[in-house]
């Protein structure tokens, strides 16, 4: 019985993982695309697509035979926002922070061993912008947001990530556990995750953790910009903006900043 339950759960997980392959730059995908991106065999992927389509999570274009996200996604998203309006509560803060810093700001929530983007704003004041897709899950080891979460999250989460595969996304992605531990330790001392050329070769970012009602890490708030604009003055300005933004976003989602982190933030501000 346990084996059957495990098999069913694995099948559900694999089917739902197909949904994460869709993004703003990939709004529609064919069977061949999904086979290639998922790394699964054609028959299995087709079976999942049929089930997801029948249940409204996907819909198929009758002419091109490609798939896109279906109406069930919209319904569930509406229910989530109506009952737990995180996006609408946080968006004004993100918009104000983006205007203050003049750079792209994004907020994401912890989902397993990755971060799920909730919203982002780019004021587009410069000729060069950072590409950001809210459909892309953010790896903890390769982003400033992830490093901030690992520094102030649970030991269990850190160990899970350190034991897992540290995939290289860009030139400076840490792929050795000891290198990741060094990044985490630095963030634990400063209260802020910092990376450059870790998820994108042209981007530097800084991030602070966001906390839930129990003072546990729930996600992260980050500022990202092209490397050339990350000057020492910009670092000081973004640190100040992030400290205020972190408190506002935490309050907006009903969270509380734990005293040990609040003390660290005050010390860093001095």
C-alpha atoms as a PDB file:
ATOM      1  CA  UNK A   1       0.000   0.000   0.000  1.00  0.00           C
ATOM      2  CA  UNK A   2       2.810   2.391   0.889  1.00  0.00           C
ATOM      3  CA  UNK A   3       4.478   1.653  -2.449  1.00  0.00           C
ATOM      4  CA  UNK A   4       1.263   2.449  -4.329  1.00  0.00           C
ATOM      5  CA  UNK A   5       0.845   5.732  -2.442  1.00  0.00           C
ATOM      6  CA  UNK A   6       4.470   6.681  -3.150  1.00  0.00           C
ATOM      7  CA  UNK A   7       4.001   5.860  -6.841  1.00  0.00           C
ATOM      8  CA  UNK A   8       0.843   7.998  -7.036  1.00  0.00           C
ATOM      9  CA  UNK A   9       2.525  10.945  -5.320  1.00  0.00           C
ATOM     10  CA  UNK A  10       5.510  10.663  -7.643  1.00  0.00           C
ATOM     11  CA  UNK A  11       3.232  10.690 -10.665  1.00  0.00           C
ATOM     12  CA  UNK A  12       1.394  13.787  -9.408  1.00  0.00           C
ATOM     13  CA  UNK A  13       4.671  15.575  -8.728  1.00  0.00           C
ATOM     14  CA  UNK A  14       6.035  14.738 -12.171  1.00  0.00           C
ATOM     15  CA  UNK A  15       2.846  15.920 -13.864  1.00  0.00           C
ATOM     16  CA  UNK A  16       2.792  19.199 -11.934  1.00  0.00           C
ATOM     17  CA  UNK A  17       6.461  19.816 -12.714  1.00  0.00           C
ATOM     18  CA  UNK A  18       5.476  20.177 -16.359  1.00  0.00           C
ATOM     19  CA  UNK A  19       3.537  23.313 -15.409  1.00  0.00           C
ATOM     20  CA  UNK A  20       6.727  24.959 -14.148  1.00  0.00           C
ATOM     21  CA  UNK A  21       8.207  24.716 -17.658  1.00  0.00           C
ATOM     22  CA  UNK A  22       5.846  27.429 -18.901  1.00  0.00           C
ATOM     23  CA  UNK A  23       6.992  31.037 -18.544  1.00  0.00           C
ATOM     24  CA  UNK A  24       6.547  34.464 -20.090  1.00  0.00           C
ATOM     25  CA  UNK A  25       9.166  33.633 -22.693  1.00  0.00           C
ATOM     26  CA  UNK A  26       7.691  30.147 -23.151  1.00  0.00           C
ATOM     27  CA  UNK A  27       3.910  30.708 -22.906  1.00  0.00           C
ATOM     28  CA  UNK A  28       3.122  27.798 -25.227  1.00  0.00           C
ATOM     29  CA  UNK A  29       4.963  24.513 -25.661  1.00  0.00           C
ATOM     30  CA  UNK A  30       4.504  21.495 -27.889  1.00  0.00           C
ATOM     31  CA  UNK A  31       4.829  17.864 -26.911  1.00  0.00           C
ATOM     32  CA  UNK A  32       8.367  17.742 -28.286  1.00  0.00           C
ATOM     33  CA  UNK A  33       9.362  20.847 -26.324  1.00  0.00           C
ATOM     34  CA  UNK A  34       8.032  19.380 -23.094  1.00  0.00           C
ATOM     35  CA  UNK A  35       9.784  16.056 -23.688  1.00  0.00           C
ATOM     36  CA  UNK A  36      13.081  17.867 -24.266  1.00  0.00           C
ATOM     37  CA  UNK A  37      12.741  20.267 -21.314  1.00  0.00           C
ATOM     38  CA  UNK A  38      11.520  17.653 -18.822  1.00  0.00           C
ATOM     39  CA  UNK A  39      13.920  14.909 -19.873  1.00  0.00           C
ATOM     40  CA  UNK A  40      11.115  12.338 -19.749  1.00  0.00           C
ATOM     41  CA  UNK A  41       9.971   9.928 -22.424  1.00  0.00           C
ATOM     42  CA  UNK A  42       7.324  10.951 -24.956  1.00  0.00           C
ATOM     43  CA  UNK A  43       4.636   8.477 -23.871  1.00  0.00           C
ATOM     44  CA  UNK A  44       4.871   9.528 -20.219  1.00  0.00           C
ATOM     45  CA  UNK A  45       4.777  13.244 -20.998  1.00  0.00           C
ATOM     46  CA  UNK A  46       1.801  12.770 -23.327  1.00  0.00           C
ATOM     47  CA  UNK A  47      -0.090  10.919 -20.585  1.00  0.00           C
ATOM     48  CA  UNK A  48       0.551  13.759 -18.144  1.00  0.00           C
ATOM     49  CA  UNK A  49      -0.546  16.334 -20.719  1.00  0.00           C
ATOM     50  CA  UNK A  50      -3.826  14.537 -21.309  1.00  0.00           C
ATOM     51  CA  UNK A  51      -4.569  14.468 -17.560  1.00  0.00           C
ATOM     52  CA  UNK A  52      -3.609  18.108 -17.037  1.00  0.00           C
ATOM     53  CA  UNK A  53      -5.687  19.212 -20.028  1.00  0.00           C
ATOM     54  CA  UNK A  54      -8.736  17.214 -18.957  1.00  0.00           C
ATOM     55  CA  UNK A  55      -8.573  18.879 -15.538  1.00  0.00           C
ATOM     56  CA  UNK A  56      -8.176  22.410 -16.918  1.00  0.00           C
ATOM     57  CA  UNK A  57      -4.580  23.027 -15.876  1.00  0.00           C
ATOM     58  CA  UNK A  58      -3.532  23.121 -19.517  1.00  0.00           C
ATOM     59  CA  UNK A  59      -5.340  23.831 -22.748  1.00  0.00           C
ATOM     60  CA  UNK A  60      -4.322  22.832 -26.259  1.00  0.00           C
ATOM     61  CA  UNK A  61      -4.457  24.990 -29.351  1.00  0.00           C
ATOM     62  CA  UNK A  62      -6.412  22.916 -31.938  1.00  0.00           C
ATOM     63  CA  UNK A  63      -4.436  24.401 -34.833  1.00  0.00           C
ATOM     64  CA  UNK A  64      -0.836  24.370 -33.579  1.00  0.00           C
ATOM     65  CA  UNK A  65      -1.326  21.463 -31.115  1.00  0.00           C
ATOM     66  CA  UNK A  66       0.755  23.385 -28.591  1.00  0.00           C
ATOM     67  CA  UNK A  67      -0.210  23.719 -24.922  1.00  0.00           C
ATOM     68  CA  UNK A  68      -0.583  26.747 -22.662  1.00  0.00           C
ATOM     69  CA  UNK A  69      -1.685  27.181 -19.048  1.00  0.00           C
ATOM     70  CA  UNK A  70      -5.389  26.551 -18.621  1.00  0.00           C
ATOM     71  CA  UNK A  71      -8.301  28.210 -16.795  1.00  0.00           C
ATOM     72  CA  UNK A  72      -7.857  26.128 -13.637  1.00  0.00           C
ATOM     73  CA  UNK A  73      -4.616  28.014 -12.980  1.00  0.00           C
ATOM     74  CA  UNK A  74      -6.467  31.335 -13.146  1.00  0.00           C
ATOM     75  CA  UNK A  75      -9.172  30.108 -10.801  1.00  0.00           C
ATOM     76  CA  UNK A  76      -6.717  28.855  -8.194  1.00  0.00           C
ATOM     77  CA  UNK A  77      -4.615  32.017  -8.468  1.00  0.00           C
ATOM     78  CA  UNK A  78      -7.752  34.111  -7.888  1.00  0.00           C
ATOM     79  CA  UNK A  79      -8.705  32.016  -4.856  1.00  0.00           C
ATOM     80  CA  UNK A  80      -5.205  32.335  -3.418  1.00  0.00           C
ATOM     81  CA  UNK A  81      -5.103  36.109  -3.875  1.00  0.00           C
ATOM     82  CA  UNK A  82      -8.638  36.550  -2.483  1.00  0.00           C
ATOM     83  CA  UNK A  83      -7.950  34.501   0.639  1.00  0.00           C
ATOM     84  CA  UNK A  84      -4.259  35.341   1.166  1.00  0.00           C
ATOM     85  CA  UNK A  85      -3.603  38.559  -0.771  1.00  0.00           C
ATOM     86  CA  UNK A  86       0.169  38.549  -0.635  1.00  0.00           C
ATOM     87  CA  UNK A  87       0.775  40.017  -4.074  1.00  0.00           C
ATOM     88  CA  UNK A  88      -1.655  42.919  -3.738  1.00  0.00           C
ATOM     89  CA  UNK A  89      -0.381  43.743  -0.248  1.00  0.00           C
ATOM     90  CA  UNK A  90       3.277  43.659  -1.218  1.00  0.00           C
ATOM     91  CA  UNK A  91       3.203  45.203  -4.698  1.00  0.00           C
ATOM     92  CA  UNK A  92       2.948  48.871  -3.539  1.00  0.00           C
ATOM     93  CA  UNK A  93       6.036  48.343  -1.366  1.00  0.00           C
ATOM     94  CA  UNK A  94       7.948  46.764  -4.232  1.00  0.00           C
ATOM     95  CA  UNK A  95       6.951  49.602  -6.562  1.00  0.00           C
ATOM     96  CA  UNK A  96       8.106  52.250  -4.070  1.00  0.00           C
ATOM     97  CA  UNK A  97      11.388  50.428  -3.466  1.00  0.00           C
ATOM     98  CA  UNK A  98      12.051  50.134  -7.196  1.00  0.00           C
ATOM     99  CA  UNK A  99      11.455  53.866  -7.617  1.00  0.00           C
ATOM    100  CA  UNK A 100      13.741  54.633  -4.672  1.00  0.00           C
ATOM    101  CA  UNK A 101      16.618  52.468  -5.884  1.00  0.00           C
ATOM    102  CA  UNK A 102      16.057  52.983  -9.607  1.00  0.00           C
ATOM    103  CA  UNK A 103      16.652  49.239 -10.070  1.00  0.00           C
ATOM    104  CA  UNK A 104      14.710  46.005 -10.421  1.00  0.00           C
ATOM    105  CA  UNK A 105      13.241  44.771  -7.133  1.00  0.00           C
ATOM    106  CA  UNK A 106      11.706  41.344  -6.638  1.00  0.00           C
ATOM    107  CA  UNK A 107      10.010  39.464  -3.820  1.00  0.00           C
ATOM    108  CA  UNK A 108       9.830  35.687  -3.615  1.00  0.00           C
ATOM    109  CA  UNK A 109       8.512  33.044  -1.238  1.00  0.00           C
ATOM    110  CA  UNK A 110      10.283  29.876  -0.145  1.00  0.00           C
ATOM    111  CA  UNK A 111       8.981  26.741  -1.841  1.00  0.00           C
ATOM    112  CA  UNK A 112      10.875  23.604  -0.856  1.00  0.00           C
ATOM    113  CA  UNK A 113      14.513  24.142  -1.826  1.00  0.00           C
ATOM    114  CA  UNK A 114      13.748  26.963  -4.271  1.00  0.00           C
ATOM    115  CA  UNK A 115      12.182  30.403  -4.242  1.00  0.00           C
ATOM    116  CA  UNK A 116       8.975  31.149  -6.104  1.00  0.00           C
ATOM    117  CA  UNK A 117       8.800  34.759  -7.365  1.00  0.00           C
ATOM    118  CA  UNK A 118       5.653  36.629  -6.309  1.00  0.00           C
ATOM    119  CA  UNK A 119       6.182  40.003  -7.966  1.00  0.00           C
ATOM    120  CA  UNK A 120       8.841  42.285  -9.399  1.00  0.00           C
ATOM    121  CA  UNK A 121       9.092  45.875 -10.595  1.00  0.00           C
ATOM    122  CA  UNK A 122      11.679  47.475 -12.874  1.00  0.00           C
ATOM    123  CA  UNK A 123      11.414  51.296 -13.164  1.00  0.00           C
ATOM    124  CA  UNK A 124      13.341  51.089 -16.471  1.00  0.00           C
ATOM    125  CA  UNK A 125      15.372  54.231 -15.924  1.00  0.00           C
ATOM    126  CA  UNK A 126      18.422  52.849 -17.694  1.00  0.00           C
ATOM    127  CA  UNK A 127      19.193  51.606 -21.159  1.00  0.00           C
ATOM    128  CA  UNK A 128      20.287  48.243 -19.772  1.00  0.00           C
ATOM    129  CA  UNK A 129      17.856  46.229 -17.664  1.00  0.00           C
ATOM    130  CA  UNK A 130      17.955  42.926 -15.834  1.00  0.00           C
ATOM    131  CA  UNK A 131      15.908  40.151 -17.403  1.00  0.00           C
ATOM    132  CA  UNK A 132      13.546  38.683 -14.818  1.00  0.00           C
ATOM    133  CA  UNK A 133      10.811  36.100 -15.384  1.00  0.00           C
ATOM    134  CA  UNK A 134       8.410  35.481 -12.493  1.00  0.00           C
ATOM    135  CA  UNK A 135       7.738  31.996 -13.844  1.00  0.00           C
ATOM    136  CA  UNK A 136      11.340  30.933 -13.175  1.00  0.00           C
ATOM    137  CA  UNK A 137      12.013  29.311  -9.817  1.00  0.00           C
ATOM    138  CA  UNK A 138      15.116  30.706  -8.121  1.00  0.00           C
ATOM    139  CA  UNK A 139      17.811  28.281  -6.844  1.00  0.00           C
ATOM    140  CA  UNK A 140      18.947  28.971  -3.305  1.00  0.00           C
ATOM    141  CA  UNK A 141      22.670  28.466  -3.940  1.00  0.00           C
ATOM    142  CA  UNK A 142      22.885  30.755  -6.991  1.00  0.00           C
ATOM    143  CA  UNK A 143      20.936  33.866  -5.966  1.00  0.00           C
ATOM    144  CA  UNK A 144      21.292  36.588  -3.349  1.00  0.00           C
ATOM    145  CA  UNK A 145      17.740  35.814  -2.234  1.00  0.00           C
ATOM    146  CA  UNK A 146      18.639  32.172  -1.767  1.00  0.00           C
ATOM    147  CA  UNK A 147      21.801  32.921   0.195  1.00  0.00           C
ATOM    148  CA  UNK A 148      19.824  35.239   2.494  1.00  0.00           C
ATOM    149  CA  UNK A 149      17.246  32.504   3.078  1.00  0.00           C
ATOM    150  CA  UNK A 150      19.910  29.889   3.767  1.00  0.00           C
ATOM    151  CA  UNK A 151      21.711  32.197   6.215  1.00  0.00           C
ATOM    152  CA  UNK A 152      18.632  32.708   8.377  1.00  0.00           C
ATOM    153  CA  UNK A 153      16.564  29.625   7.561  1.00  0.00           C
ATOM    154  CA  UNK A 154      16.592  26.249   9.266  1.00  0.00           C
ATOM    155  CA  UNK A 155      19.585  23.949   9.636  1.00  0.00           C
ATOM    156  CA  UNK A 156      17.571  21.248   7.871  1.00  0.00           C
ATOM    157  CA  UNK A 157      17.120  23.441   4.794  1.00  0.00           C
ATOM    158  CA  UNK A 158      20.826  24.327   4.691  1.00  0.00           C
ATOM    159  CA  UNK A 159      21.861  20.693   4.958  1.00  0.00           C
ATOM    160  CA  UNK A 160      19.403  19.643   2.263  1.00  0.00           C
ATOM    161  CA  UNK A 161      20.796  22.217  -0.157  1.00  0.00           C
ATOM    162  CA  UNK A 162      24.424  21.503   0.738  1.00  0.00           C
ATOM    163  CA  UNK A 163      23.899  17.784   0.149  1.00  0.00           C
ATOM    164  CA  UNK A 164      22.147  18.336  -3.166  1.00  0.00           C
ATOM    165  CA  UNK A 165      23.477  19.168  -6.627  1.00  0.00           C
ATOM    166  CA  UNK A 166      24.853  22.696  -6.870  1.00  0.00           C
ATOM    167  CA  UNK A 167      24.202  23.347 -10.534  1.00  0.00           C
ATOM    168  CA  UNK A 168      26.252  26.017 -12.328  1.00  0.00           C
ATOM    169  CA  UNK A 169      24.157  28.761 -13.926  1.00  0.00           C
ATOM    170  CA  UNK A 170      26.854  31.374 -14.591  1.00  0.00           C
ATOM    171  CA  UNK A 171      30.587  32.029 -14.187  1.00  0.00           C
ATOM    172  CA  UNK A 172      30.489  32.654 -10.419  1.00  0.00           C
ATOM    173  CA  UNK A 173      27.876  30.105  -9.350  1.00  0.00           C
ATOM    174  CA  UNK A 174      29.167  28.265  -6.301  1.00  0.00           C
ATOM    175  CA  UNK A 175      29.263  24.541  -7.012  1.00  0.00           C
ATOM    176  CA  UNK A 176      31.186  23.381  -3.928  1.00  0.00           C
ATOM    177  CA  UNK A 177      29.518  23.071  -0.499  1.00  0.00           C
ATOM    178  CA  UNK A 178      32.418  24.816   1.261  1.00  0.00           C
ATOM    179  CA  UNK A 179      32.128  27.828  -1.063  1.00  0.00           C
ATOM    180  CA  UNK A 180      28.394  28.034  -0.430  1.00  0.00           C
ATOM    181  CA  UNK A 181      29.019  27.815   3.326  1.00  0.00           C
ATOM    182  CA  UNK A 182      31.328  30.843   3.036  1.00  0.00           C
ATOM    183  CA  UNK A 183      28.603  32.850   1.278  1.00  0.00           C
ATOM    184  CA  UNK A 184      26.074  31.821   3.902  1.00  0.00           C
ATOM    185  CA  UNK A 185      28.410  32.769   6.760  1.00  0.00           C
ATOM    186  CA  UNK A 186      29.021  36.196   5.256  1.00  0.00           C
ATOM    187  CA  UNK A 187      25.285  36.766   4.911  1.00  0.00           C
ATOM    188  CA  UNK A 188      24.747  35.644   8.508  1.00  0.00           C
ATOM    189  CA  UNK A 189      27.212  38.304   9.641  1.00  0.00           C
ATOM    190  CA  UNK A 190      25.913  41.153   7.493  1.00  0.00           C
ATOM    191  CA  UNK A 191      22.199  40.268   7.370  1.00  0.00           C
ATOM    192  CA  UNK A 192      22.281  40.309   3.582  1.00  0.00           C
ATOM    193  CA  UNK A 193      22.894  37.847   0.764  1.00  0.00           C
ATOM    194  CA  UNK A 194      25.177  39.135  -2.003  1.00  0.00           C
ATOM    195  CA  UNK A 195      26.160  37.529  -5.311  1.00  0.00           C
ATOM    196  CA  UNK A 196      27.419  38.630  -8.710  1.00  0.00           C
ATOM    197  CA  UNK A 197      27.559  36.592 -11.911  1.00  0.00           C
ATOM    198  CA  UNK A 198      25.997  33.689  -9.992  1.00  0.00           C
ATOM    199  CA  UNK A 199      22.652  33.279 -11.787  1.00  0.00           C
ATOM    200  CA  UNK A 200      23.373  35.611 -14.712  1.00  0.00           C
ATOM    201  CA  UNK A 201      26.812  36.676 -15.928  1.00  0.00           C
ATOM    202  CA  UNK A 202      25.751  40.305 -16.267  1.00  0.00           C
ATOM    203  CA  UNK A 203      23.932  40.753 -12.947  1.00  0.00           C
ATOM    204  CA  UNK A 204      24.766  41.562  -9.317  1.00  0.00           C
ATOM    205  CA  UNK A 205      22.147  41.374  -6.579  1.00  0.00           C
ATOM    206  CA  UNK A 206      21.629  41.867  -2.855  1.00  0.00           C
ATOM    207  CA  UNK A 207      18.816  40.462  -0.746  1.00  0.00           C
ATOM    208  CA  UNK A 208      17.395  40.239   2.759  1.00  0.00           C
ATOM    209  CA  UNK A 209      15.142  37.573   4.267  1.00  0.00           C
ATOM    210  CA  UNK A 210      11.415  38.061   4.843  1.00  0.00           C
ATOM    211  CA  UNK A 211       9.814  36.500   7.915  1.00  0.00           C
ATOM    212  CA  UNK A 212       6.440  34.926   8.698  1.00  0.00           C
ATOM    213  CA  UNK A 213       4.187  35.279  11.752  1.00  0.00           C
ATOM    214  CA  UNK A 214       6.455  32.997  13.802  1.00  0.00           C
ATOM    215  CA  UNK A 215       9.643  34.828  12.853  1.00  0.00           C
ATOM    216  CA  UNK A 216      10.747  32.035  10.521  1.00  0.00           C
ATOM    217  CA  UNK A 217      12.130  32.763   7.068  1.00  0.00           C
ATOM    218  CA  UNK A 218       9.321  32.868   4.506  1.00  0.00           C
ATOM    219  CA  UNK A 219      11.115  34.327   1.494  1.00  0.00           C
ATOM    220  CA  UNK A 220      13.370  37.160   0.390  1.00  0.00           C
ATOM    221  CA  UNK A 221      13.390  40.704  -0.958  1.00  0.00           C
ATOM    222  CA  UNK A 222      16.089  41.549  -3.504  1.00  0.00           C
ATOM    223  CA  UNK A 223      17.500  44.331  -5.661  1.00  0.00           C
ATOM    224  CA  UNK A 224      19.208  43.278  -8.898  1.00  0.00           C
ATOM    225  CA  UNK A 225      21.130  45.349 -11.419  1.00  0.00           C
ATOM    226  CA  UNK A 226      23.782  45.082 -14.146  1.00  0.00           C
ATOM    227  CA  UNK A 227      27.271  44.621 -12.672  1.00  0.00           C
ATOM    228  CA  UNK A 228      28.490  47.990 -13.921  1.00  0.00           C
ATOM    229  CA  UNK A 229      25.947  49.839 -11.787  1.00  0.00           C
ATOM    230  CA  UNK A 230      26.790  48.048  -8.523  1.00  0.00           C
ATOM    231  CA  UNK A 231      29.166  50.692  -7.169  1.00  0.00           C
ATOM    232  CA  UNK A 232      30.119  51.101  -3.503  1.00  0.00           C
ATOM    233  CA  UNK A 233      27.681  54.006  -3.221  1.00  0.00           C
ATOM    234  CA  UNK A 234      24.958  51.879  -4.789  1.00  0.00           C
ATOM    235  CA  UNK A 235      25.692  49.140  -2.289  1.00  0.00           C
ATOM    236  CA  UNK A 236      25.197  51.535   0.626  1.00  0.00           C
ATOM    237  CA  UNK A 237      21.984  52.911  -0.862  1.00  0.00           C
ATOM    238  CA  UNK A 238      20.489  49.505  -1.624  1.00  0.00           C
ATOM    239  CA  UNK A 239      21.378  48.189   1.848  1.00  0.00           C
ATOM    240  CA  UNK A 240      19.455  51.036   3.450  1.00  0.00           C
ATOM    241  CA  UNK A 241      16.488  50.600   1.117  1.00  0.00           C
ATOM    242  CA  UNK A 242      16.413  46.840   1.637  1.00  0.00           C
ATOM    243  CA  UNK A 243      16.454  47.177   5.432  1.00  0.00           C
ATOM    244  CA  UNK A 244      13.350  49.363   5.335  1.00  0.00           C
ATOM    245  CA  UNK A 245      11.729  47.283   2.628  1.00  0.00           C
ATOM    246  CA  UNK A 246      12.346  44.063   4.545  1.00  0.00           C
ATOM    247  CA  UNK A 247      10.462  45.397   7.562  1.00  0.00           C
ATOM    248  CA  UNK A 248       7.565  46.691   5.473  1.00  0.00           C
ATOM    249  CA  UNK A 249       7.134  43.488   3.452  1.00  0.00           C
ATOM    250  CA  UNK A 250       7.383  41.332   6.572  1.00  0.00           C
ATOM    251  CA  UNK A 251       4.637  43.392   8.225  1.00  0.00           C
ATOM    252  CA  UNK A 252       2.525  43.337   5.056  1.00  0.00           C
ATOM    253  CA  UNK A 253       2.394  39.525   5.013  1.00  0.00           C
ATOM    254  CA  UNK A 254       1.599  39.381   8.730  1.00  0.00           C
ATOM    255  CA  UNK A 255       5.100  38.468   9.780  1.00  0.00           C
ATOM    256  CA  UNK A 256       7.421  39.615  12.514  1.00  0.00           C
ATOM    257  CA  UNK A 257      11.146  40.348  12.307  1.00  0.00           C
ATOM    258  CA  UNK A 258      12.891  38.222  14.974  1.00  0.00           C
ATOM    259  CA  UNK A 259      14.897  40.196  17.506  1.00  0.00           C
ATOM    260  CA  UNK A 260      18.228  38.615  16.591  1.00  0.00           C
ATOM    261  CA  UNK A 261      17.833  39.753  12.989  1.00  0.00           C
ATOM    262  CA  UNK A 262      16.504  43.182  13.976  1.00  0.00           C
ATOM    263  CA  UNK A 263      19.604  43.672  16.165  1.00  0.00           C
ATOM    264  CA  UNK A 264      21.855  42.618  13.310  1.00  0.00           C
ATOM    265  CA  UNK A 265      20.121  45.052  10.937  1.00  0.00           C
ATOM    266  CA  UNK A 266      20.499  47.902  13.448  1.00  0.00           C
ATOM    267  CA  UNK A 267      24.179  47.132  13.883  1.00  0.00           C
ATOM    268  CA  UNK A 268      24.728  47.071  10.119  1.00  0.00           C
ATOM    269  CA  UNK A 269      22.966  50.423   9.751  1.00  0.00           C
ATOM    270  CA  UNK A 270      25.332  52.139  12.206  1.00  0.00           C
END
